Protein backbone atom coordinates (compact mmCIF):
# COMPACT_ATOMS: atom_id res chain seq x y z
CA MET A 1 0.00 0.00 0.00
CA LYS A 2 1.16 3.53 -0.81
CA GLU A 3 0.38 4.74 2.73
CA ASP A 4 2.46 1.95 4.30
CA LYS A 5 5.35 2.73 1.95
CA GLN A 6 5.22 6.39 3.00
CA ARG A 7 5.24 5.36 6.67
CA ILE A 8 8.28 3.13 6.17
CA GLU A 9 10.18 5.81 4.26
CA PHE A 10 9.37 8.39 6.91
CA PHE A 11 10.42 6.02 9.69
CA LYS A 12 13.78 5.40 8.00
CA ASP A 13 14.55 9.10 8.15
CA PHE A 14 13.24 9.41 11.69
CA LEU A 15 15.33 6.46 12.91
CA GLU A 16 18.65 7.58 11.45
CA ASP A 17 19.91 9.65 14.35
CA ILE A 18 18.35 7.56 17.13
CA GLU A 19 19.63 3.99 16.87
CA SER A 20 23.34 4.47 16.30
CA PRO A 21 25.49 1.40 17.14
CA ASP A 22 27.41 3.15 19.91
CA LYS A 23 24.31 4.03 21.94
CA ALA A 24 23.16 2.05 24.96
CA THR A 25 19.53 0.99 25.33
CA ALA A 26 18.70 3.74 27.83
CA SER A 27 20.43 6.32 25.65
CA ILE A 28 18.37 5.27 22.62
CA GLN A 29 15.14 5.59 24.60
CA GLY A 30 16.25 8.99 25.90
CA THR A 31 17.14 10.24 22.43
CA PHE A 32 13.78 9.04 21.13
CA LEU A 33 11.94 10.81 23.95
CA GLU A 34 13.80 14.09 23.40
CA LYS A 35 13.14 13.98 19.68
CA MET A 36 9.43 13.37 20.23
CA LEU A 37 9.26 16.18 22.80
CA ASN A 38 10.57 18.58 20.15
CA PHE A 39 7.52 17.87 18.02
CA MET A 40 5.10 18.12 20.94
CA GLU A 41 6.22 21.62 21.95
CA ARG A 42 4.61 21.54 25.39
CA PRO A 43 4.21 24.94 27.14
CA GLU A 44 5.99 23.54 30.22
CA GLU A 45 9.47 22.10 29.61
CA PRO A 46 9.32 18.50 30.87
CA GLU A 47 11.92 17.29 33.34
CA VAL A 48 13.44 14.15 31.80
CA LEU A 49 14.29 11.60 34.50
CA ILE A 50 17.79 10.14 34.23
CA PRO A 51 17.41 7.27 34.82
CA PRO A 52 13.65 6.93 34.38
CA TYR A 53 11.56 5.75 37.32
CA ILE A 54 10.93 2.04 36.79
CA ASN A 55 9.31 -0.41 39.22
CA SER A 56 8.92 -3.66 37.30
CA SER A 57 7.24 -5.60 40.08
CA LYS A 58 4.45 -3.02 40.44
CA LYS A 59 4.39 -2.22 36.72
CA ILE A 60 5.14 1.49 37.19
CA ALA A 61 7.11 3.66 34.78
CA ILE A 62 7.72 7.41 34.36
CA ASN A 63 10.22 8.88 31.89
CA ALA A 64 9.52 12.60 32.30
CA TYR A 65 7.16 15.03 33.97
CA SER A 66 6.22 18.68 34.30
CA TYR A 67 4.09 20.45 36.88
CA ASP A 68 2.06 23.66 36.70
CA LYS A 69 1.74 24.86 40.28
CA GLU A 70 -0.90 27.49 39.53
CA SER A 71 -3.38 25.11 37.90
CA LEU A 72 -2.29 22.04 39.92
CA THR A 73 -1.75 20.21 36.64
CA LEU A 74 0.73 17.36 36.33
CA ASP A 75 1.99 16.01 33.00
CA LEU A 76 3.44 12.50 33.03
CA TYR A 77 5.35 10.97 30.12
CA VAL A 78 5.90 7.23 29.67
CA VAL A 79 7.88 5.74 26.78
CA ASP A 80 7.21 2.49 24.93
CA TYR A 81 10.21 1.69 22.73
CA ASP A 82 10.08 -1.60 20.83
CA PHE A 83 13.55 -2.56 19.58
CA ASP A 84 12.00 -4.95 17.08
CA GLN A 85 10.51 -1.99 15.26
CA ASN A 86 12.52 -1.39 12.11
CA ALA A 87 12.44 0.43 8.82
CA GLU A 88 11.34 -2.62 6.81
CA GLU A 89 7.99 -3.33 8.44
CA ILE A 90 5.43 -1.63 10.61
CA LEU A 91 4.81 -2.88 14.14
CA THR A 92 1.47 -1.74 15.50
CA ILE A 93 0.14 -1.31 19.00
CA ASN A 94 -3.49 -1.77 20.00
CA LYS A 95 -5.71 0.10 22.43
CA ALA A 96 -5.34 -2.49 25.19
CA GLU A 97 -1.54 -2.22 25.05
CA ILE A 98 -1.69 1.58 24.97
CA THR A 99 -4.01 1.59 28.00
CA GLU A 100 -1.63 -0.66 29.94
CA ILE A 101 1.31 1.63 29.19
CA GLY A 102 -0.68 4.65 30.34
CA THR A 103 -1.69 2.75 33.46
CA LYS A 104 2.00 2.47 34.38
CA ALA A 105 1.94 6.23 34.88
CA LYS A 106 -1.36 6.05 36.77
CA ARG A 107 0.12 3.51 39.21
CA PHE A 108 2.80 6.02 40.18
CA ILE A 109 0.02 8.18 41.62
CA THR A 110 -2.08 5.40 43.15
CA ASN A 111 1.02 3.89 44.84
CA ILE A 112 2.48 7.20 45.97
CA LYS A 113 2.40 6.47 49.71
CA SER A 114 4.54 3.34 49.44
CA ILE A 115 6.84 5.03 46.91
CA GLN A 116 7.35 8.04 49.18
CA SER A 117 8.18 5.89 52.20
CA SER A 118 10.87 3.92 50.39
CA ARG A 119 12.35 6.34 47.84
CA ASP A 120 15.83 7.82 48.31
CA HIS A 121 15.47 11.58 48.82
CA SER A 122 18.62 12.31 46.83
CA LEU A 123 17.25 10.85 43.61
CA GLN A 124 16.02 13.18 40.87
CA ASP A 125 12.55 11.60 40.78
CA TYR A 126 11.92 12.32 44.46
CA GLU A 127 10.75 15.81 43.51
CA LEU A 128 8.00 14.20 41.46
CA VAL A 129 7.18 12.01 44.46
CA LYS A 130 6.77 15.13 46.61
CA ILE A 131 4.59 16.87 44.02
CA VAL A 132 2.16 13.94 43.92
CA ALA A 133 2.22 13.29 47.67
CA GLU A 134 1.86 16.90 48.83
CA ASN A 135 -0.62 18.42 46.36
CA ASP A 136 -4.31 17.92 45.59
CA LEU A 137 -3.94 17.60 41.85
CA GLU A 138 -6.83 18.88 39.75
CA GLU A 139 -5.66 17.50 36.44
CA VAL A 140 -3.29 14.82 35.19
CA ASN A 141 -2.21 14.48 31.55
CA ILE A 142 -0.64 11.18 30.57
CA PHE A 143 1.45 11.18 27.39
CA ILE A 144 2.19 7.77 25.92
CA ILE A 145 5.14 8.00 23.53
CA THR A 146 5.74 4.95 21.35
CA ASN A 147 7.78 4.00 18.30
CA ARG A 148 5.06 1.56 17.28
CA TYR A 149 2.08 2.62 15.16
CA TYR A 150 -1.27 3.22 16.86
CA LEU A 151 -3.30 3.01 13.67
CA ALA A 152 -6.63 2.50 15.47
CA ASN A 153 -6.33 6.08 16.79
CA LYS A 154 -9.08 5.43 19.34
CA PRO A 155 -9.28 7.69 22.42
CA VAL A 156 -7.87 6.09 25.57
CA ASP A 157 -9.79 6.57 28.81
CA ILE A 158 -7.87 6.29 32.09
CA THR A 159 -9.32 7.38 35.41
CA ILE A 160 -7.48 8.12 38.65
CA PRO A 161 -9.39 8.14 41.97
CA GLY A 162 -9.61 11.64 43.45
CA ILE A 163 -8.57 13.48 40.28
CA GLN A 164 -11.35 15.12 38.31
CA ASN A 165 -9.66 15.52 34.93
CA VAL A 166 -7.43 12.82 33.48
CA ASN A 167 -6.44 13.20 29.82
CA THR A 168 -4.52 10.65 27.81
CA GLU A 169 -2.66 11.41 24.60
CA VAL A 170 -0.84 8.97 22.35
CA TRP A 171 2.21 10.08 20.38
CA ASP A 172 3.34 7.51 17.86
CA ILE A 173 5.52 7.89 14.75
CA ASP A 174 2.42 8.19 12.59
CA ARG A 175 1.21 11.19 14.57
CA VAL A 176 4.52 12.95 14.03
CA HIS A 177 4.29 12.11 10.33
CA GLN A 178 0.77 13.56 10.15
CA LEU A 179 1.79 16.60 12.17
CA ILE A 180 4.69 17.70 10.05
CA THR A 181 2.90 17.09 6.77
CA SER A 182 -0.12 19.02 8.06
CA GLU A 183 2.20 21.84 9.12
CA GLN A 184 3.35 22.05 5.51
CA GLY A 185 0.12 21.40 3.64
CA ILE A 186 -3.50 20.50 4.24
CA GLN A 187 -4.31 16.81 4.40
CA ASN A 188 -6.43 15.12 1.72
CA ASP A 189 -8.57 13.03 4.08
CA HIS A 190 -12.22 13.23 3.07
CA ILE A 191 -14.99 13.18 5.66
CA ASP A 192 -18.38 12.20 4.29
CA PHE A 193 -20.81 13.53 6.90
CA GLU A 194 -23.86 11.90 5.34
CA GLU A 195 -22.25 8.52 4.75
CA ASP A 196 -20.17 8.31 7.94
CA PHE A 197 -22.48 9.99 10.44
CA ASN A 198 -25.88 10.03 8.75
CA ASN A 199 -25.95 13.79 9.15
CA ALA A 200 -24.88 17.04 7.48
CA PHE A 201 -25.18 20.75 8.21
CA ASP A 202 -26.32 23.90 6.45
CA MET A 203 -24.42 27.16 6.03
CA MET A 204 -24.77 30.48 4.24
CA PHE A 205 -22.29 31.57 1.58
CA VAL A 206 -20.59 34.90 2.24
CA PRO A 207 -20.67 36.87 -1.03
CA GLU A 208 -17.48 38.32 -2.43
CA PRO A 209 -17.21 42.15 -2.36
CA ASN A 210 -18.36 43.56 -5.69
CA ASN A 211 -18.94 39.98 -6.88
CA ASP A 212 -15.19 39.45 -7.16
CA THR A 213 -14.51 35.91 -8.37
CA THR A 214 -10.71 36.06 -8.25
CA SER A 215 -10.14 35.48 -4.53
CA ASN A 216 -8.42 32.29 -3.40
CA PHE A 217 -11.04 31.24 -0.87
CA ASP A 218 -14.80 30.80 -0.34
CA CYS A 219 -16.33 31.47 3.04
CA TYR A 220 -19.46 29.99 4.66
CA ILE A 221 -21.02 30.74 8.05
CA GLY A 222 -23.63 28.91 10.06
CA TYR A 223 -23.75 26.27 12.75
CA ILE A 224 -22.94 22.60 13.16
CA PRO A 225 -24.73 20.11 15.46
CA ALA A 226 -22.57 19.54 18.53
CA GLU A 227 -23.18 15.80 18.36
CA LEU A 228 -21.90 15.66 14.77
CA LEU A 229 -18.78 17.61 15.77
CA ALA A 230 -18.17 15.23 18.70
CA LYS A 231 -18.62 12.15 16.52
CA ALA A 232 -16.26 13.51 13.87
CA TYR A 233 -13.57 14.10 16.49
CA ASP A 234 -14.22 10.69 18.01
CA VAL A 235 -13.41 9.08 14.65
CA TRP A 236 -10.72 11.39 13.28
CA GLY A 237 -9.18 12.56 16.54
CA PRO A 238 -6.00 14.68 16.29
CA LYS A 239 -6.19 14.88 12.49
CA LEU A 240 -8.95 17.49 12.87
CA VAL A 241 -6.89 19.82 15.02
CA GLU A 242 -3.24 19.43 13.99
CA ARG A 243 -3.26 22.94 12.53
CA ASN A 244 -4.95 24.44 15.59
CA VAL A 245 -2.55 27.01 17.07
CA ARG A 246 -3.50 25.81 20.54
CA SER A 247 -1.97 22.51 19.54
CA PHE A 248 -3.31 19.36 21.12
CA LEU A 249 -6.59 19.15 22.90
CA GLN A 250 -7.12 19.05 26.62
CA VAL A 251 -10.17 19.94 28.64
CA ARG A 252 -8.64 22.34 31.08
CA GLY A 253 -9.12 25.79 32.54
CA GLY A 254 -12.18 27.78 33.56
CA THR A 255 -13.42 28.27 30.00
CA ASN A 256 -13.57 24.56 29.30
CA LYS A 257 -15.13 23.69 32.65
CA GLY A 258 -17.77 26.32 31.90
CA ILE A 259 -18.48 24.71 28.54
CA ARG A 260 -18.97 21.30 30.09
CA ASN A 261 -21.16 22.66 32.87
CA THR A 262 -23.35 24.44 30.30
CA LEU A 263 -23.75 21.23 28.30
CA LYS A 264 -24.73 19.25 31.38
CA ASP A 265 -27.34 21.78 32.52
CA SER A 266 -30.57 21.11 30.61
CA SER A 267 -31.82 24.63 31.29
CA GLN A 268 -28.69 26.22 29.76
CA LYS A 269 -27.48 23.98 26.99
CA LYS A 270 -29.86 25.45 24.40
CA MET A 271 -28.04 28.74 25.07
CA PHE A 272 -24.70 27.17 24.17
CA VAL A 273 -24.68 28.86 20.77
CA ALA A 274 -25.16 32.22 22.51
CA TYR A 275 -22.50 31.62 25.15
CA ASN A 276 -19.76 30.17 22.96
CA ASN A 277 -17.85 31.88 20.15
CA GLY A 278 -17.83 28.72 18.08
CA ILE A 279 -15.20 27.29 15.78
CA SER A 280 -13.28 28.43 12.71
CA THR A 281 -12.43 25.75 10.17
CA ILE A 282 -10.69 25.42 6.83
CA ALA A 283 -10.82 22.78 4.09
CA ARG A 284 -9.27 22.19 0.70
CA SER A 285 -12.57 21.32 -1.01
CA GLY A 286 -16.04 20.07 -0.22
CA ASP A 287 -19.15 18.28 -1.36
CA ILE A 288 -21.37 21.35 -1.09
CA GLU A 289 -24.70 21.90 -2.83
CA ARG A 290 -27.20 24.74 -2.89
CA ILE A 291 -30.41 23.69 -1.15
CA LYS A 292 -32.74 25.74 -3.35
CA ASP A 293 -32.31 28.25 -6.16
CA GLY A 294 -32.65 31.82 -5.03
CA ILE A 295 -31.90 30.98 -1.38
CA ASN A 296 -28.44 31.56 0.05
CA LEU A 297 -28.29 28.27 1.92
CA TYR A 298 -25.93 25.37 1.22
CA ARG A 299 -25.78 21.79 2.49
CA ILE A 300 -22.27 20.73 3.62
CA LYS A 301 -22.30 17.00 2.85
CA GLY A 302 -18.58 16.29 3.02
CA LEU A 303 -15.20 18.03 3.28
CA THR A 304 -11.65 17.23 2.19
CA GLY A 305 -8.78 18.33 4.40
CA TRP A 306 -11.12 19.66 7.09
CA GLN A 307 -9.21 21.32 9.93
CA ILE A 308 -10.31 23.22 13.04
CA VAL A 309 -7.96 26.21 13.30
CA ASN A 310 -9.77 27.89 16.18
CA GLY A 311 -12.12 26.25 18.65
CA GLY A 312 -10.08 23.16 19.41
CA GLN A 313 -10.79 23.41 23.11
CA THR A 314 -14.49 23.90 22.43
CA THR A 315 -14.34 20.72 20.35
CA ALA A 316 -12.50 18.89 23.13
CA SER A 317 -15.06 19.94 25.72
CA ILE A 318 -17.97 18.84 23.53
CA HIS A 319 -16.26 15.54 22.82
CA GLN A 320 -15.64 14.98 26.53
CA ALA A 321 -19.33 15.60 27.23
CA TYR A 322 -20.22 13.18 24.42
CA LYS A 323 -17.99 10.51 26.00
CA GLU A 324 -19.78 11.12 29.31
CA GLU A 325 -23.07 10.44 27.48
CA VAL A 326 -24.39 13.98 27.88
CA ASP A 327 -27.38 14.53 25.57
CA LEU A 328 -26.20 16.87 22.81
CA SER A 329 -29.21 16.54 20.53
CA ASP A 330 -30.34 20.17 20.97
CA VAL A 331 -26.89 21.76 21.07
CA TYR A 332 -25.42 23.70 18.14
CA VAL A 333 -22.04 25.33 17.60
CA GLN A 334 -21.41 28.47 15.59
CA ALA A 335 -19.07 27.69 12.72
CA LYS A 336 -17.12 29.39 9.97
CA LEU A 337 -15.85 27.37 7.03
CA THR A 338 -13.19 28.66 4.65
CA ILE A 339 -12.55 26.67 1.48
CA LEU A 340 -9.01 27.42 0.31
CA LYS A 341 -8.62 27.63 -3.46
CA VAL A 342 -4.87 27.47 -3.95
CA ASP A 343 -3.70 26.39 -7.38
CA GLU A 344 -0.20 25.32 -8.35
CA GLY A 345 1.95 28.08 -9.74
CA ILE A 346 0.19 31.05 -8.11
CA THR A 347 2.98 33.54 -7.42
CA LYS A 348 4.58 31.21 -4.86
CA ASP A 349 4.74 27.62 -3.67
CA LYS A 350 1.30 26.12 -3.03
CA HIS A 351 2.16 24.87 0.44
CA SER A 352 3.71 28.19 1.45
CA LEU A 353 0.60 30.08 0.34
CA GLU A 354 -1.65 27.66 2.25
CA ASP A 355 0.55 28.05 5.33
CA GLU A 356 0.37 31.83 5.09
CA MET A 357 -3.43 31.84 4.71
CA VAL A 358 -4.00 29.39 7.56
CA SER A 359 -1.58 31.26 9.82
CA ARG A 360 -3.50 34.50 9.30
CA ILE A 361 -6.87 32.83 9.83
CA SER A 362 -5.55 31.26 13.03
CA GLU A 363 -4.03 34.48 14.33
CA TYR A 364 -7.08 36.65 13.80
CA ALA A 365 -9.58 34.01 14.91
CA ASN A 366 -7.81 33.15 18.16
CA THR A 367 -8.62 35.83 20.72
CA GLN A 368 -10.26 33.94 23.61
CA ASN A 369 -7.51 32.08 25.41
CA LYS A 370 -3.73 31.98 25.58
CA ILE A 371 -2.11 31.36 22.19
CA ASN A 372 1.29 29.84 21.49
CA LYS A 373 3.25 32.83 20.19
CA SER A 374 5.79 30.57 18.53
CA ASP A 375 3.08 29.31 16.19
CA LEU A 376 1.41 32.65 15.52
CA LEU A 377 4.70 34.42 14.88
CA ALA A 378 6.19 31.65 12.74
CA ASN A 379 5.40 33.59 9.58
CA THR A 380 6.51 37.05 10.71
CA ARG A 381 9.20 38.90 8.83
CA PHE A 382 11.88 38.08 11.41
CA MET A 383 11.18 34.35 11.18
CA SER A 384 10.96 34.53 7.40
CA ASP A 385 14.28 36.35 7.22
CA LEU A 386 15.93 33.79 9.51
CA GLU A 387 14.70 31.08 7.16
CA LYS A 388 16.01 32.95 4.10
CA PHE A 389 19.44 33.44 5.65
CA SER A 390 19.66 29.76 6.61
CA ARG A 391 18.88 28.74 3.02
CA SER A 392 21.39 31.16 1.49
CA THR A 393 24.28 31.34 3.98
CA TRP A 394 27.03 28.75 3.65
CA MET A 395 28.86 27.55 6.73
CA PRO A 396 32.54 28.55 6.60
CA ALA A 397 34.63 25.77 5.04
CA LEU A 398 38.03 24.44 5.97
CA LYS A 399 40.92 26.32 4.44
CA GLY A 400 41.38 25.48 0.80
CA ARG A 401 37.97 23.84 0.42
CA LYS A 402 34.70 25.21 -0.86
CA PRO A 403 31.62 25.45 1.39
CA GLU A 404 29.40 22.37 1.32
CA SER A 405 26.75 22.80 4.00
CA LYS A 406 24.32 25.26 5.57
CA TRP A 407 22.34 25.47 8.79
CA TYR A 408 18.66 24.70 8.38
CA PHE A 409 16.20 26.84 10.35
CA GLU A 410 12.77 25.25 10.79
CA ARG A 411 10.13 27.95 10.65
CA ALA A 412 7.44 25.28 11.11
CA ARG A 413 7.64 22.02 13.02
CA GLY A 414 8.97 19.14 10.97
CA GLN A 415 9.79 21.35 7.99
CA TYR A 416 13.14 19.60 7.48
CA MET A 417 11.64 16.13 7.19
CA VAL A 418 8.93 17.41 4.88
CA ASP A 419 11.62 18.90 2.62
CA ILE A 420 13.40 15.56 2.57
CA ASN A 421 10.26 13.61 1.72
CA ARG A 422 9.44 15.97 -1.14
CA ARG A 423 12.60 14.72 -2.86
CA LYS A 424 13.18 11.39 -4.56
CA ARG A 425 14.85 8.76 -2.40
CA GLY A 426 18.46 8.18 -3.27
CA LYS A 427 20.65 10.88 -4.76
CA GLU A 428 18.17 13.77 -4.36
CA GLN A 429 17.62 13.10 -0.66
CA ASN A 430 21.31 12.36 -0.03
CA ASP A 431 22.33 15.61 -1.71
CA PHE A 432 19.81 17.52 0.42
CA LYS A 433 21.12 15.93 3.63
CA LYS A 434 24.68 16.80 2.63
CA LEU A 435 23.65 20.39 1.99
CA TYR A 436 21.63 20.55 5.24
CA PRO A 437 23.06 18.03 7.74
CA LYS A 438 20.65 16.73 10.36
CA ASP A 439 22.82 17.96 13.21
CA LYS A 440 22.57 21.49 11.82
CA VAL A 441 18.75 21.68 12.01
CA ILE A 442 17.49 24.26 14.51
CA THR A 443 13.90 25.11 15.51
CA LYS A 444 12.48 28.48 16.46
CA VAL A 445 12.01 27.58 20.13
CA GLU A 446 15.53 26.14 20.36
CA ILE A 447 16.97 29.36 18.96
CA ALA A 448 14.92 31.28 21.53
CA LYS A 449 16.10 29.20 24.51
CA TYR A 450 19.73 29.32 23.41
CA PHE A 451 19.57 33.06 22.77
CA MET A 452 18.00 33.80 26.16
CA SER A 453 20.43 31.65 28.13
CA TRP A 454 23.43 33.36 26.54
CA GLU A 455 21.91 36.79 27.17
CA GLY A 456 21.62 36.10 30.91
CA PHE A 457 18.11 34.73 31.26
CA PRO A 458 18.62 31.04 32.11
CA HIS A 459 15.50 31.15 34.27
CA VAL A 460 13.47 32.13 31.20
CA SER A 461 14.95 29.31 29.11
CA SER A 462 14.17 26.93 31.98
CA LYS A 463 10.49 27.84 31.69
CA GLY A 464 10.36 26.22 28.27
CA GLY A 465 10.14 27.16 24.63
CA GLU A 466 7.05 29.36 24.73
CA GLU A 467 8.27 31.67 27.49
CA ALA A 468 11.72 31.87 25.94
CA TYR A 469 10.18 32.59 22.55
CA LYS A 470 8.11 35.50 23.86
CA LYS A 471 11.19 37.06 25.46
CA PHE A 472 13.25 36.36 22.36
CA MET A 473 10.74 38.16 20.16
CA GLU A 474 10.64 41.11 22.55
CA PHE A 475 14.42 41.38 22.27
CA ASN A 476 14.20 41.34 18.49
CA LYS A 477 10.95 43.21 17.94
CA ASN A 478 12.65 45.83 15.79
CA PHE A 479 13.25 43.14 13.22
CA TRP A 480 9.73 41.72 13.03
CA LYS A 481 7.30 44.50 13.95
CA SER A 482 4.84 45.35 11.21
CA ASP A 483 5.45 49.11 11.24
CA VAL A 484 6.50 49.52 7.63
CA SER A 485 7.44 53.16 8.21
CA THR A 486 10.60 52.05 10.07
CA PRO A 487 11.69 48.88 8.32
CA GLU A 488 14.72 47.07 9.68
CA ASN A 489 15.96 43.89 8.04
CA LEU A 490 17.69 41.04 9.76
CA SER A 491 21.36 41.39 8.86
CA LEU A 492 23.87 38.64 8.13
CA PRO A 493 25.96 39.33 11.29
CA VAL A 494 22.83 39.09 13.45
CA TYR A 495 22.01 35.74 11.85
CA GLN A 496 25.58 34.51 12.32
CA LYS A 497 25.56 35.48 16.01
CA ILE A 498 22.23 33.71 16.54
CA ILE A 499 23.76 30.53 15.14
CA ALA A 500 26.92 31.11 17.21
CA ARG A 501 24.82 31.11 20.39
CA THR A 502 23.31 27.82 19.22
CA ILE A 503 26.79 26.35 18.64
CA ILE A 504 27.84 27.34 22.17
CA ASN A 505 24.71 25.87 23.77
CA ASN A 506 25.11 22.64 21.81
CA ARG A 507 28.75 22.30 22.86
CA VAL A 508 27.91 22.93 26.51
CA LYS A 509 25.16 20.31 26.24
CA GLU A 510 27.67 17.80 24.81
CA ILE A 511 30.08 18.44 27.67
CA VAL A 512 27.35 18.11 30.31
CA GLU A 513 26.25 14.80 28.76
CA GLU A 514 29.85 13.55 28.77
CA MET A 515 30.06 14.40 32.49
CA LYS A 516 27.03 12.16 33.16
CA LEU A 517 25.67 14.55 35.75
CA LYS A 518 22.57 13.20 37.46
CA GLY A 519 19.46 15.25 36.84
CA TYR A 520 18.30 18.70 35.70
CA LYS A 521 20.35 18.56 32.50
CA ALA A 522 18.43 21.32 30.70
CA ASN A 523 18.66 23.69 33.68
CA VAL A 524 22.36 22.95 34.14
CA VAL A 525 23.04 23.74 30.47
CA TYR A 526 21.10 27.03 30.51
CA TYR A 527 22.70 28.25 33.75
CA THR A 528 26.18 27.14 32.67
CA VAL A 529 25.89 29.04 29.39
CA ALA A 530 24.58 32.11 31.20
CA MET A 531 27.43 32.03 33.71
CA LEU A 532 29.98 31.46 30.95
CA HIS A 533 28.77 34.61 29.20
CA HIS A 534 28.42 36.56 32.45
CA LEU A 535 32.06 35.91 33.37
CA TYR A 536 33.84 35.45 30.05
CA GLY A 537 31.52 36.90 27.41
CA LYS A 538 33.95 39.62 26.41
CA GLU A 539 36.55 36.97 25.61
CA ILE A 540 34.23 34.94 23.35
CA ASP A 541 33.74 36.49 19.93
CA LEU A 542 30.45 35.21 18.48
CA ILE A 543 31.51 35.96 14.91
CA LYS A 544 34.67 33.89 15.47
CA VAL A 545 32.51 31.06 16.85
CA TRP A 546 30.51 31.26 13.63
CA GLU A 547 33.64 31.31 11.46
CA GLU A 548 35.09 28.27 13.23
CA GLN A 549 31.68 26.63 13.72
CA SER A 550 32.79 25.65 17.21
CA LEU A 551 33.61 26.92 20.67
CA SER A 552 37.36 26.88 21.24
CA ASP A 553 38.62 23.80 23.12
CA LYS A 554 40.22 26.11 25.69
CA TRP A 555 36.78 26.59 27.22
CA GLU A 556 36.04 22.90 27.78
CA GLU A 557 37.50 22.63 31.28
CA VAL A 558 35.90 25.96 32.24
CA VAL A 559 32.50 24.63 31.14
CA ARG A 560 33.04 21.43 33.13
CA ILE A 561 33.83 23.33 36.32
CA ILE A 562 30.90 25.74 35.89
CA ALA A 563 28.48 22.89 35.07
CA SER A 564 29.50 20.92 38.16
CA LYS A 565 29.12 24.02 40.33
CA THR A 566 25.77 24.80 38.68
CA LEU A 567 24.25 21.43 39.56
CA PHE A 568 25.51 21.72 43.15
CA PHE A 569 24.12 25.25 43.45
CA LEU A 570 20.68 24.36 42.06
CA ARG A 571 20.27 21.48 44.49
CA GLU A 572 21.66 23.21 47.55
CA SER A 573 19.99 26.59 47.06
CA ALA A 574 16.59 25.03 46.36
CA GLY A 575 16.45 23.60 49.88
CA GLU A 576 12.99 22.07 50.31
CA ARG A 577 11.78 23.68 47.09
CA ASN A 578 11.34 21.88 43.80
CA VAL A 579 14.64 22.34 41.95
CA THR A 580 13.00 22.62 38.54
CA GLN A 581 10.55 25.27 39.73
CA TRP A 582 13.30 27.12 41.58
CA ALA A 583 15.42 27.25 38.39
CA LYS A 584 12.56 29.10 36.65
CA GLN A 585 12.76 32.04 39.05
CA GLU A 586 14.91 35.10 38.43
CA ALA A 587 15.92 35.02 42.10
CA CYS A 588 17.71 31.74 41.41
CA TRP A 589 19.91 33.31 38.74
CA VAL A 590 20.55 36.41 40.85
CA GLN A 591 21.60 34.28 43.83
CA TYR A 592 23.87 32.11 41.68
CA LYS A 593 25.75 35.15 40.45
CA GLU A 594 26.03 36.57 43.98
CA THR A 595 27.30 33.37 45.59
CA ASP A 596 29.45 31.70 42.92
CA ALA A 597 30.50 34.18 40.21
CA LYS A 598 33.55 35.38 42.15
CA GLU A 599 34.84 31.86 42.70
CA LEU A 600 34.35 30.95 39.02
CA LYS A 601 35.88 34.14 37.65
CA GLY A 602 39.57 33.22 37.41
CA LEU A 603 39.39 29.89 35.65
CA ILE A 604 41.28 30.97 32.55
């Protein structure tokens, strides 16, 4: 089958930098987890447990976690890595197996008393033990990350006694494949509402101004039965929302609780359409017919490439109510449908034009809740210019040789792998990989975290990609603001220095990994880089780092000493506090400079 062939080809590329012969089993699982986390782009940076918490006798496993103190929300990550999975065949996983893997995370919570009484307080995972034991959690999100294929794509329901909201998400290789292709172009999946759900919905066509027929979209407005929306999500799941700027669905926060309460209250649910702002959707094409001549009313019988770009959380809340068997028969949701009419050869690449249109629709439609700025700003001038420089700027070559490679900036998630898959296997793909090596691929949130740590904000980088990205864009707002009266273009030296910061962070990360320090690796890297710049920044020329594509070896021992001191400081200064949470506070960075900068000053 063509689809299976595409999966196998994608998996070959995905596997290349994970299962190298020199890696141990635990290292392979850790590399796989970190790679998957890059695609997930969670708002809270997960703390990866080294080693993971494993209790084989009680069938408990946790590989990573993150905790939001304000909302009392705990995210748990558990990895299923099957070493029999290979690039020649597809190994699948069924719902029962997925549920059992997720239950391994659940058992960590239900067995917390015995775990707390026996666990060594010095271990990295003891902070997670304290979080679970000492807080009344309101929500738990379990992320099951597997290298097998969950083709059934059925929702997984796991309940935990005493916790109101438990959400389970499955991340398999197929989901990553779908995600990155949907980031770069609308899917061709066709949903036949009449055939699949014995239902359809009616909408009005929005006329073009002055009867203009040259626009590249058609727009319809109306409403969709809530039950139909819930059923569609039940069948198609994440495929409906991969382009939603709020990313992946969870029923959380006051807005979503309000939606569910409205749906459950028989006296209020008919007012749902008045209370809720509805959903905005896009599609590539549709089976749409006029109901009657002379009447501006159309029956939406089926859609190809249907995506919810705003209203994902509304959809999640309705689906949750549907799963709880709430009667949705009299509930309707306001809806806007935009049919994109993008033909090949129109002024620019088809996928780029679709991306641009969907990005704008998402940005202007999303005004209710918090939005991921890294997604909304992915198409701004600053990001576009970074992309252009990465495609045109050669890395300096060794003396006497011509340049061969460039850095590759990903303006959208998975852009690199999409670019590979658009080329023929063999010479075309090999030439592309030589031009843009995999170890020279950098994402927008990675650039932001590396930039902020070097500039003296390791606490911001420790908060995760979204917080770092917001600060990063504030620092560089002169380059991306839309005020055309004062245009400033991203210059080549600025681009080179951004990459130089990335080179430094990557080298520090390599050194920290070689040291095999136990725990808080990301925080140690960010604080080590910040201290390196704070003490020795004037001696490190970023342009020279770019020209040599490396940090001079003379700094290796300095980095080792600072990294060791950083880990000691984070643990000792945190006291009874959670180390990860403490590292996110500016006071942590201020105290580190006050207590240890003088001692670390004269290392070179």
